[in-house]
Amino acid sequence: MAGEYKEVNIKSDMPTSDDAIKRITYNIHNGKRLGYRAIKIIHGYGSSGAGGRIRIEARRYLESQKRKGIIADYIPGEDFSIFNEQTRKAFDRCDELRRDRDLERHNNGVTIIVF
């Protein structure tokens, strides 16, 4: 197995929201195939105007993937805290999340995807 967890920066070249969703889709399928338990998507928080759209569209897309059973859950970075039930459940699936640098940072520029 490649590891439990990986981080993917989908905003580095400021893609359109459609291209960002394609990158998320690819990383979901590839991550599941490689046996990852979680992926952290870095999408930005929107200070330039583009990141906000990507964040909103990404989370809308992830909600649909969760409803379809393709992913187990997703955690917005601003909710990624030991005081959040979703985060504690994610720790059970992927222990590496406990050591992520964004834990307790309330970073709305990231989203954790849990398989």
N, C-alpha and C. Protein backbone atom coordinates (compact mmCIF):
# COMPACT_ATOMS: atom_id res chain seq x y z
N MET A 1 0.85 -1.19 0.00
CA MET A 1 0.00 0.00 0.00
C MET A 1 0.88 1.24 0.00
N ALA A 2 0.47 2.25 -0.66
CA ALA A 2 1.23 3.49 -0.80
C ALA A 2 1.34 4.26 0.50
N GLY A 3 0.46 4.06 1.41
CA GLY A 3 0.38 4.85 2.63
C GLY A 3 -1.08 5.10 2.94
N GLU A 4 -1.34 5.64 4.10
CA GLU A 4 -2.73 5.86 4.49
C GLU A 4 -3.31 7.13 3.89
N TYR A 5 -2.44 8.09 3.62
CA TYR A 5 -2.91 9.46 3.46
C TYR A 5 -2.01 10.21 2.50
N LYS A 6 -2.62 11.08 1.70
CA LYS A 6 -1.81 11.95 0.86
C LYS A 6 -2.44 13.32 0.77
N GLU A 7 -1.63 14.28 0.37
CA GLU A 7 -2.06 15.67 0.23
C GLU A 7 -1.95 16.03 -1.25
N VAL A 8 -2.98 16.69 -1.78
CA VAL A 8 -3.00 17.08 -3.18
C VAL A 8 -3.33 18.56 -3.29
N ASN A 9 -2.47 19.30 -3.97
CA ASN A 9 -2.71 20.73 -4.19
C ASN A 9 -3.35 20.90 -5.56
N ILE A 10 -4.65 21.19 -5.57
CA ILE A 10 -5.35 21.36 -6.85
C ILE A 10 -5.44 22.81 -7.27
N LYS A 11 -4.91 23.73 -6.47
CA LYS A 11 -5.05 25.16 -6.78
C LYS A 11 -3.76 25.78 -7.30
N SER A 12 -2.68 25.01 -7.37
CA SER A 12 -1.36 25.58 -7.64
C SER A 12 -1.32 26.43 -8.91
N ASP A 13 -2.04 26.02 -9.96
CA ASP A 13 -2.03 26.80 -11.21
C ASP A 13 -3.36 27.51 -11.46
N MET A 14 -4.14 27.70 -10.38
CA MET A 14 -5.42 28.42 -10.45
C MET A 14 -6.34 27.88 -11.56
N PRO A 15 -6.74 26.61 -11.46
CA PRO A 15 -7.62 26.04 -12.49
C PRO A 15 -9.03 26.60 -12.39
N THR A 16 -9.80 26.36 -13.43
CA THR A 16 -11.23 26.68 -13.35
C THR A 16 -11.87 25.71 -12.36
N SER A 17 -13.06 26.01 -11.91
CA SER A 17 -13.71 25.09 -10.96
C SER A 17 -14.00 23.74 -11.64
N ASP A 18 -14.31 23.74 -12.94
CA ASP A 18 -14.53 22.47 -13.65
C ASP A 18 -13.26 21.62 -13.67
N ASP A 19 -12.13 22.25 -13.95
CA ASP A 19 -10.86 21.51 -13.95
C ASP A 19 -10.51 21.03 -12.55
N ALA A 20 -10.81 21.82 -11.54
CA ALA A 20 -10.54 21.42 -10.16
C ALA A 20 -11.36 20.19 -9.80
N ILE A 21 -12.62 20.14 -10.23
CA ILE A 21 -13.48 18.98 -9.95
C ILE A 21 -12.92 17.75 -10.66
N LYS A 22 -12.43 17.91 -11.88
CA LYS A 22 -11.81 16.78 -12.59
C LYS A 22 -10.60 16.26 -11.82
N ARG A 23 -9.82 17.17 -11.26
CA ARG A 23 -8.65 16.76 -10.47
C ARG A 23 -9.07 16.02 -9.20
N ILE A 24 -10.13 16.50 -8.57
CA ILE A 24 -10.63 15.83 -7.37
C ILE A 24 -11.12 14.43 -7.73
N THR A 25 -11.88 14.32 -8.81
CA THR A 25 -12.40 13.03 -9.26
C THR A 25 -11.25 12.06 -9.52
N TYR A 26 -10.25 12.52 -10.23
CA TYR A 26 -9.08 11.68 -10.51
C TYR A 26 -8.44 11.21 -9.20
N ASN A 27 -8.25 12.13 -8.27
CA ASN A 27 -7.58 11.78 -7.01
C ASN A 27 -8.43 10.86 -6.14
N ILE A 28 -9.73 10.99 -6.19
CA ILE A 28 -10.60 10.05 -5.47
C ILE A 28 -10.42 8.65 -6.04
N HIS A 29 -10.55 8.52 -7.35
CA HIS A 29 -10.45 7.20 -7.97
C HIS A 29 -9.05 6.61 -7.80
N ASN A 30 -8.05 7.42 -8.02
CA ASN A 30 -6.66 6.96 -7.89
C ASN A 30 -6.34 6.62 -6.43
N GLY A 31 -6.79 7.46 -5.51
CA GLY A 31 -6.53 7.22 -4.09
C GLY A 31 -7.17 5.93 -3.62
N LYS A 32 -8.39 5.68 -4.04
CA LYS A 32 -9.06 4.43 -3.66
C LYS A 32 -8.32 3.24 -4.26
N ARG A 33 -7.92 3.37 -5.52
CA ARG A 33 -7.22 2.27 -6.20
C ARG A 33 -5.90 1.95 -5.50
N LEU A 34 -5.21 2.98 -5.02
CA LEU A 34 -3.92 2.79 -4.37
C LEU A 34 -4.05 2.44 -2.88
N GLY A 35 -5.26 2.44 -2.37
CA GLY A 35 -5.48 2.03 -1.00
C GLY A 35 -5.35 3.11 0.05
N TYR A 36 -5.41 4.37 -0.36
CA TYR A 36 -5.37 5.44 0.64
C TYR A 36 -6.64 5.40 1.48
N ARG A 37 -6.53 5.89 2.70
CA ARG A 37 -7.69 5.96 3.58
C ARG A 37 -8.27 7.37 3.61
N ALA A 38 -7.44 8.35 3.23
CA ALA A 38 -7.89 9.75 3.20
C ALA A 38 -6.99 10.55 2.28
N ILE A 39 -7.51 11.66 1.80
CA ILE A 39 -6.76 12.61 0.98
C ILE A 39 -7.10 14.01 1.47
N LYS A 40 -6.08 14.84 1.58
CA LYS A 40 -6.34 16.25 1.88
C LYS A 40 -6.21 17.02 0.58
N ILE A 41 -7.28 17.71 0.21
CA ILE A 41 -7.29 18.54 -0.99
C ILE A 41 -7.02 19.98 -0.57
N ILE A 42 -6.01 20.59 -1.17
CA ILE A 42 -5.73 22.01 -0.94
C ILE A 42 -6.36 22.76 -2.11
N HIS A 43 -7.40 23.54 -1.82
CA HIS A 43 -8.13 24.24 -2.88
C HIS A 43 -8.11 25.75 -2.71
N GLY A 44 -7.55 26.24 -1.63
CA GLY A 44 -7.54 27.67 -1.38
C GLY A 44 -8.85 28.12 -0.77
N TYR A 45 -8.83 29.31 -0.22
CA TYR A 45 -10.02 29.81 0.48
C TYR A 45 -10.68 30.97 -0.23
N GLY A 46 -10.10 31.46 -1.30
CA GLY A 46 -10.80 32.44 -2.11
C GLY A 46 -10.32 33.86 -2.01
N SER A 47 -9.14 34.10 -1.47
CA SER A 47 -8.66 35.49 -1.34
C SER A 47 -8.47 36.15 -2.69
N SER A 48 -8.20 35.33 -3.73
CA SER A 48 -8.03 35.90 -5.06
C SER A 48 -9.32 35.90 -5.85
N GLY A 49 -10.36 35.34 -5.29
CA GLY A 49 -11.63 35.25 -6.00
C GLY A 49 -11.86 33.89 -6.60
N ALA A 50 -10.80 33.23 -7.12
CA ALA A 50 -10.96 31.93 -7.76
C ALA A 50 -11.06 30.80 -6.74
N GLY A 51 -10.30 30.85 -5.68
CA GLY A 51 -10.28 29.77 -4.69
C GLY A 51 -11.62 29.57 -4.02
N GLY A 52 -12.34 30.65 -3.81
CA GLY A 52 -13.65 30.53 -3.18
C GLY A 52 -14.62 29.73 -4.02
N ARG A 53 -14.62 29.94 -5.29
CA ARG A 53 -15.50 29.18 -6.19
C ARG A 53 -15.10 27.71 -6.19
N ILE A 54 -13.79 27.45 -6.24
CA ILE A 54 -13.33 26.06 -6.22
C ILE A 54 -13.74 25.39 -4.91
N ARG A 55 -13.57 26.07 -3.80
CA ARG A 55 -13.95 25.51 -2.50
C ARG A 55 -15.43 25.16 -2.47
N ILE A 56 -16.26 26.08 -2.91
CA ILE A 56 -17.71 25.87 -2.89
C ILE A 56 -18.10 24.71 -3.82
N GLU A 57 -17.59 24.72 -5.03
CA GLU A 57 -17.92 23.66 -5.99
C GLU A 57 -17.36 22.31 -5.55
N ALA A 58 -16.16 22.31 -4.99
CA ALA A 58 -15.55 21.06 -4.52
C ALA A 58 -16.39 20.44 -3.43
N ARG A 59 -16.83 21.24 -2.49
CA ARG A 59 -17.62 20.69 -1.38
C ARG A 59 -19.01 20.25 -1.84
N ARG A 60 -19.57 20.94 -2.78
CA ARG A 60 -20.86 20.50 -3.36
C ARG A 60 -20.68 19.14 -4.04
N TYR A 61 -19.60 19.02 -4.80
CA TYR A 61 -19.30 17.77 -5.49
C TYR A 61 -19.06 16.64 -4.48
N LEU A 62 -18.28 16.93 -3.42
CA LEU A 62 -17.98 15.90 -2.42
C LEU A 62 -19.24 15.45 -1.69
N GLU A 63 -20.15 16.36 -1.47
CA GLU A 63 -21.43 15.98 -0.84
C GLU A 63 -22.16 14.98 -1.73
N SER A 64 -22.16 15.21 -3.04
CA SER A 64 -22.83 14.27 -3.96
C SER A 64 -22.10 12.93 -3.97
N GLN A 65 -20.78 12.93 -3.88
CA GLN A 65 -20.01 11.69 -3.86
C GLN A 65 -20.28 10.91 -2.57
N LYS A 66 -20.46 11.62 -1.49
CA LYS A 66 -20.80 10.99 -0.21
C LYS A 66 -22.19 10.34 -0.29
N ARG A 67 -23.16 11.07 -0.83
CA ARG A 67 -24.52 10.52 -0.97
C ARG A 67 -24.53 9.26 -1.84
N LYS A 68 -23.67 9.23 -2.86
CA LYS A 68 -23.59 8.07 -3.77
C LYS A 68 -22.78 6.92 -3.18
N GLY A 69 -22.13 7.15 -2.04
CA GLY A 69 -21.32 6.10 -1.43
C GLY A 69 -19.93 5.95 -2.02
N ILE A 70 -19.50 6.90 -2.83
CA ILE A 70 -18.17 6.83 -3.45
C ILE A 70 -17.09 7.18 -2.44
N ILE A 71 -17.39 8.13 -1.55
CA ILE A 71 -16.50 8.44 -0.43
C ILE A 71 -17.30 8.23 0.86
N ALA A 72 -16.57 7.97 1.95
CA ALA A 72 -17.26 7.78 3.24
C ALA A 72 -17.70 9.12 3.82
N ASP A 73 -16.83 10.13 3.68
CA ASP A 73 -17.12 11.43 4.27
C ASP A 73 -16.13 12.46 3.75
N TYR A 74 -16.37 13.70 4.08
CA TYR A 74 -15.40 14.77 3.85
C TYR A 74 -15.51 15.74 5.02
N ILE A 75 -14.40 16.38 5.31
CA ILE A 75 -14.36 17.30 6.45
C ILE A 75 -13.82 18.64 5.97
N PRO A 76 -14.62 19.69 6.01
CA PRO A 76 -14.10 21.02 5.69
C PRO A 76 -12.97 21.38 6.65
N GLY A 77 -11.93 22.00 6.14
CA GLY A 77 -10.78 22.34 6.97
C GLY A 77 -11.12 23.15 8.19
N GLU A 78 -12.13 24.02 8.09
CA GLU A 78 -12.50 24.83 9.24
C GLU A 78 -13.14 24.00 10.36
N ASP A 79 -13.56 22.76 10.04
CA ASP A 79 -14.16 21.86 11.03
C ASP A 79 -13.20 20.75 11.46
N PHE A 80 -11.99 20.74 10.92
CA PHE A 80 -11.01 19.67 11.18
C PHE A 80 -10.40 19.88 12.57
N SER A 81 -11.06 19.29 13.57
CA SER A 81 -10.73 19.52 14.97
C SER A 81 -11.03 18.27 15.78
N ILE A 82 -10.27 18.05 16.84
CA ILE A 82 -10.54 16.91 17.71
C ILE A 82 -11.89 17.04 18.40
N PHE A 83 -12.47 18.22 18.38
CA PHE A 83 -13.78 18.44 18.98
C PHE A 83 -14.93 18.16 18.01
N ASN A 84 -14.60 17.79 16.77
CA ASN A 84 -15.58 17.52 15.73
C ASN A 84 -15.77 16.01 15.59
N GLU A 85 -17.01 15.56 15.63
CA GLU A 85 -17.30 14.12 15.56
C GLU A 85 -16.82 13.50 14.25
N GLN A 86 -17.00 14.20 13.13
CA GLN A 86 -16.53 13.68 11.84
C GLN A 86 -15.02 13.44 11.88
N THR A 87 -14.29 14.36 12.47
CA THR A 87 -12.84 14.23 12.55
C THR A 87 -12.46 13.02 13.40
N ARG A 88 -13.10 12.85 14.53
CA ARG A 88 -12.79 11.71 15.40
C ARG A 88 -13.09 10.39 14.69
N LYS A 89 -14.18 10.33 13.92
CA LYS A 89 -14.48 9.12 13.14
C LYS A 89 -13.43 8.90 12.06
N ALA A 90 -12.97 9.98 11.46
CA ALA A 90 -11.93 9.87 10.42
C ALA A 90 -10.63 9.33 11.00
N PHE A 91 -10.30 9.69 12.24
CA PHE A 91 -9.10 9.16 12.90
C PHE A 91 -9.16 7.64 12.97
N ASP A 92 -10.35 7.08 13.17
CA ASP A 92 -10.49 5.62 13.23
C ASP A 92 -10.16 4.97 11.89
N ARG A 93 -10.42 5.67 10.82
CA ARG A 93 -10.14 5.14 9.48
C ARG A 93 -8.71 5.42 9.04
N CYS A 94 -8.16 6.55 9.50
CA CYS A 94 -6.84 6.99 9.05
C CYS A 94 -6.10 7.67 10.19
N ASP A 95 -5.29 6.92 10.89
CA ASP A 95 -4.58 7.45 12.06
C ASP A 95 -3.64 8.60 11.69
N GLU A 96 -3.12 8.61 10.45
CA GLU A 96 -2.20 9.67 10.03
C GLU A 96 -2.82 11.06 10.13
N LEU A 97 -4.14 11.15 10.05
CA LEU A 97 -4.81 12.45 10.15
C LEU A 97 -4.52 13.15 11.47
N ARG A 98 -4.25 12.39 12.52
CA ARG A 98 -3.95 12.97 13.83
C ARG A 98 -2.71 13.86 13.80
N ARG A 99 -1.83 13.60 12.82
CA ARG A 99 -0.57 14.34 12.73
C ARG A 99 -0.57 15.40 11.63
N ASP A 100 -1.71 15.62 11.01
CA ASP A 100 -1.77 16.61 9.93
C ASP A 100 -1.57 18.03 10.48
N ARG A 101 -0.80 18.82 9.77
CA ARG A 101 -0.48 20.18 10.25
C ARG A 101 -1.69 21.11 10.28
N ASP A 102 -2.76 20.76 9.57
CA ASP A 102 -3.94 21.62 9.58
C ASP A 102 -4.95 21.26 10.67
N LEU A 103 -4.70 20.22 11.43
CA LEU A 103 -5.58 19.88 12.54
C LEU A 103 -5.58 21.04 13.53
N GLU A 104 -6.75 21.49 13.89
CA GLU A 104 -6.96 22.61 14.83
C GLU A 104 -6.58 23.99 14.27
N ARG A 105 -6.34 24.08 12.98
CA ARG A 105 -5.97 25.38 12.39
C ARG A 105 -7.15 26.08 11.73
N HIS A 106 -8.29 25.41 11.63
CA HIS A 106 -9.52 25.99 11.06
C HIS A 106 -9.25 26.60 9.68
N ASN A 107 -8.53 25.83 8.86
CA ASN A 107 -8.10 26.29 7.54
C ASN A 107 -9.19 26.00 6.52
N ASN A 108 -9.92 27.01 6.09
CA ASN A 108 -10.99 26.78 5.12
C ASN A 108 -10.46 26.66 3.69
N GLY A 109 -9.17 26.62 3.52
CA GLY A 109 -8.56 26.40 2.20
C GLY A 109 -8.25 24.94 1.91
N VAL A 110 -8.66 24.04 2.82
CA VAL A 110 -8.45 22.62 2.62
C VAL A 110 -9.72 21.86 2.94
N THR A 111 -9.82 20.65 2.39
CA THR A 111 -10.90 19.72 2.72
C THR A 111 -10.30 18.32 2.78
N ILE A 112 -10.67 17.57 3.79
CA ILE A 112 -10.22 16.18 3.96
C ILE A 112 -11.28 15.26 3.38
N ILE A 113 -10.85 14.34 2.51
CA ILE A 113 -11.75 13.33 1.95
C ILE A 113 -11.41 12.01 2.62
N VAL A 114 -12.42 11.34 3.14
CA VAL A 114 -12.22 10.07 3.83
C VAL A 114 -12.87 8.94 3.03
N PHE A 115 -12.10 7.87 2.83
CA PHE A 115 -12.62 6.70 2.08
C PHE A 115 -13.17 5.65 3.03
